[in-house]
Amino acid sequence: QVPLVEFGGGSVQPGGSLRLSCAASGFIYSSACMGWFRQAPGKEREGVAAIYTGGGRTYYADSVKGRFTIYQDNAKSTVYLQMNILKPEDTAMYYCAAVLTPLCNTRLLAGRFSAYDVNYWGQGTQVTVSS
């Protein structure tokens, strides 16, 4: 069974919206920090948003605060990233990620969602924002 399966992405004009989803295996979802990283050509992978599935604490990169919302559906073991007011600079490959360390909740509180901590990655989905 694939640990993380992503859906969503696509192309949209500036100002538009898209929603990404990431379904996790039960052993991952029960208590983990799940979220998305993105990577544009020639740039480093950056954490975009994350949520602690055991309690709902969230993290957002400054560049997406007020535009993106991450939320969870426990019945489906799925997290979602609603992306509104999309900008051309949001164009990137988006990767769902899961961090399983019990410290991840505390790290989100401290503003840390790092690729170095990731235990599982999704397959990635392209988001393109252009007119």
Protein backbone atom coordinates (compact mmCIF):
# COMPACT_ATOMS: atom_id res chain seq x y z
CA GLN A 1 0.00 0.00 0.00
CA VAL A 2 1.33 3.41 -0.98
CA PRO A 3 1.75 5.49 2.18
CA LEU A 4 0.64 8.82 0.67
CA VAL A 5 -1.48 9.42 -2.40
CA GLU A 6 -2.01 12.91 -3.76
CA PHE A 7 -4.78 14.35 -5.87
CA GLY A 8 -5.44 17.77 -7.29
CA GLY A 9 -3.22 20.34 -8.90
CA GLY A 10 -3.47 21.71 -12.40
CA SER A 11 -3.39 25.06 -14.16
CA VAL A 12 -5.22 28.18 -13.13
CA GLN A 13 -5.12 31.91 -13.81
CA PRO A 14 -3.81 34.35 -11.22
CA GLY A 15 -6.39 34.94 -8.52
CA GLY A 16 -7.88 31.49 -8.99
CA SER A 17 -8.18 28.56 -6.61
CA LEU A 18 -7.13 24.95 -6.46
CA ARG A 19 -7.41 22.21 -3.86
CA LEU A 20 -4.89 19.49 -3.18
CA SER A 21 -5.63 16.36 -1.21
CA CYS A 22 -3.40 13.74 0.36
CA ALA A 23 -4.71 10.42 1.57
CA ALA A 24 -2.60 8.57 4.10
CA SER A 25 -2.38 5.02 5.33
CA GLY A 26 -3.86 4.61 8.79
CA PHE A 27 -0.56 4.05 10.55
CA ILE A 28 0.64 7.39 9.26
CA TYR A 29 -2.48 9.46 9.72
CA SER A 30 -3.23 8.59 13.32
CA SER A 31 -0.66 10.96 14.78
CA ALA A 32 1.56 12.79 12.37
CA CYS A 33 2.34 16.15 10.93
CA MET A 34 1.15 16.15 7.35
CA GLY A 35 1.41 18.88 4.82
CA TRP A 36 2.93 20.08 1.60
CA PHE A 37 6.27 21.20 0.32
CA ARG A 38 6.76 22.82 -3.02
CA GLN A 39 9.69 23.12 -5.36
CA ALA A 40 10.01 25.40 -8.34
CA PRO A 41 12.72 24.91 -10.99
CA GLY A 42 16.07 26.07 -9.69
CA LYS A 43 14.79 26.63 -6.16
CA GLU A 44 15.00 24.69 -2.93
CA ARG A 45 12.08 22.69 -1.63
CA GLU A 46 10.12 24.76 0.89
CA GLY A 47 7.47 23.90 3.44
CA VAL A 48 4.13 25.45 2.56
CA ALA A 49 1.63 24.27 5.16
CA ALA A 50 1.22 21.49 7.68
CA ILE A 51 -1.25 20.16 10.21
CA TYR A 52 -0.86 17.89 13.22
CA THR A 53 -3.47 15.21 12.64
CA GLY A 54 -3.63 14.38 16.33
CA GLY A 55 -4.73 17.82 17.42
CA GLY A 56 -5.19 20.20 14.51
CA ARG A 57 -2.26 22.56 15.06
CA THR A 58 -1.27 24.19 11.80
CA TYR A 59 1.73 25.80 10.19
CA TYR A 60 1.87 28.14 7.20
CA ALA A 61 4.76 29.68 5.37
CA ASP A 62 4.61 33.47 5.43
CA SER A 63 4.21 33.55 1.66
CA VAL A 64 0.86 31.72 1.81
CA LYS A 65 -0.69 32.97 5.04
CA GLY A 66 -4.18 34.30 4.46
CA ARG A 67 -4.46 32.56 1.09
CA PHE A 68 -3.97 28.85 1.81
CA THR A 69 -5.86 26.74 4.32
CA ILE A 70 -4.93 23.24 5.42
CA TYR A 71 -7.51 21.00 7.06
CA GLN A 72 -8.20 17.35 7.76
CA ASP A 73 -10.94 14.77 7.34
CA ASN A 74 -10.35 12.06 9.92
CA ALA A 75 -12.98 9.72 8.46
CA LYS A 76 -11.03 9.63 5.20
CA SER A 77 -7.50 9.87 6.69
CA THR A 78 -6.99 12.76 4.32
CA VAL A 79 -5.64 16.26 4.55
CA TYR A 80 -6.49 19.03 2.13
CA LEU A 81 -4.82 22.22 1.03
CA GLN A 82 -7.21 24.86 -0.22
CA MET A 83 -5.25 27.41 -2.22
CA ASN A 84 -6.94 30.71 -2.98
CA ILE A 85 -5.79 33.94 -4.60
CA LEU A 86 -3.09 32.01 -6.40
CA LYS A 87 -0.13 33.93 -7.76
CA PRO A 88 2.37 33.08 -10.51
CA GLU A 89 5.02 32.62 -7.81
CA ASP A 90 2.97 29.74 -6.41
CA THR A 91 3.84 27.75 -9.53
CA ALA A 92 5.74 24.64 -8.46
CA MET A 93 5.61 20.92 -7.96
CA TYR A 94 3.77 20.29 -4.72
CA TYR A 95 4.64 17.25 -2.60
CA CYS A 96 2.57 15.85 0.21
CA ALA A 97 4.69 14.85 3.18
CA ALA A 98 4.34 13.14 6.53
CA VAL A 99 6.50 13.56 9.61
CA LEU A 100 6.00 10.86 12.22
CA THR A 101 8.17 11.97 15.11
CA PRO A 102 6.16 12.77 18.26
CA LEU A 103 8.07 16.06 18.34
CA CYS A 104 6.48 17.28 15.11
CA ASN A 105 3.59 18.98 16.91
CA THR A 106 5.99 21.00 19.04
CA ARG A 107 8.05 21.82 15.97
CA LEU A 108 4.99 23.20 14.18
CA LEU A 109 4.38 25.46 17.15
CA ALA A 110 7.95 26.68 16.76
CA GLY A 111 7.37 27.34 13.09
CA ARG A 112 9.36 24.40 11.81
CA PHE A 113 8.25 22.12 9.01
CA SER A 114 11.45 20.82 7.48
CA ALA A 115 12.13 18.43 4.61
CA TYR A 116 14.85 16.87 6.76
CA ASP A 117 12.19 15.55 9.15
CA VAL A 118 9.96 13.95 6.49
CA ASN A 119 9.42 10.18 6.70
CA TYR A 120 7.14 9.77 3.68
CA TRP A 121 6.62 11.71 0.47
CA GLY A 122 3.74 11.75 -1.96
CA GLN A 123 4.26 11.41 -5.70
CA GLY A 124 3.97 15.15 -6.32
CA THR A 125 1.51 17.19 -8.34
CA GLN A 126 2.11 20.22 -10.55
CA VAL A 127 0.47 23.55 -9.84
CA THR A 128 0.79 26.19 -12.55
CA VAL A 129 -0.49 29.73 -12.18
CA SER A 130 -0.32 31.82 -15.31
CA SER A 131 -2.42 34.04 -17.51
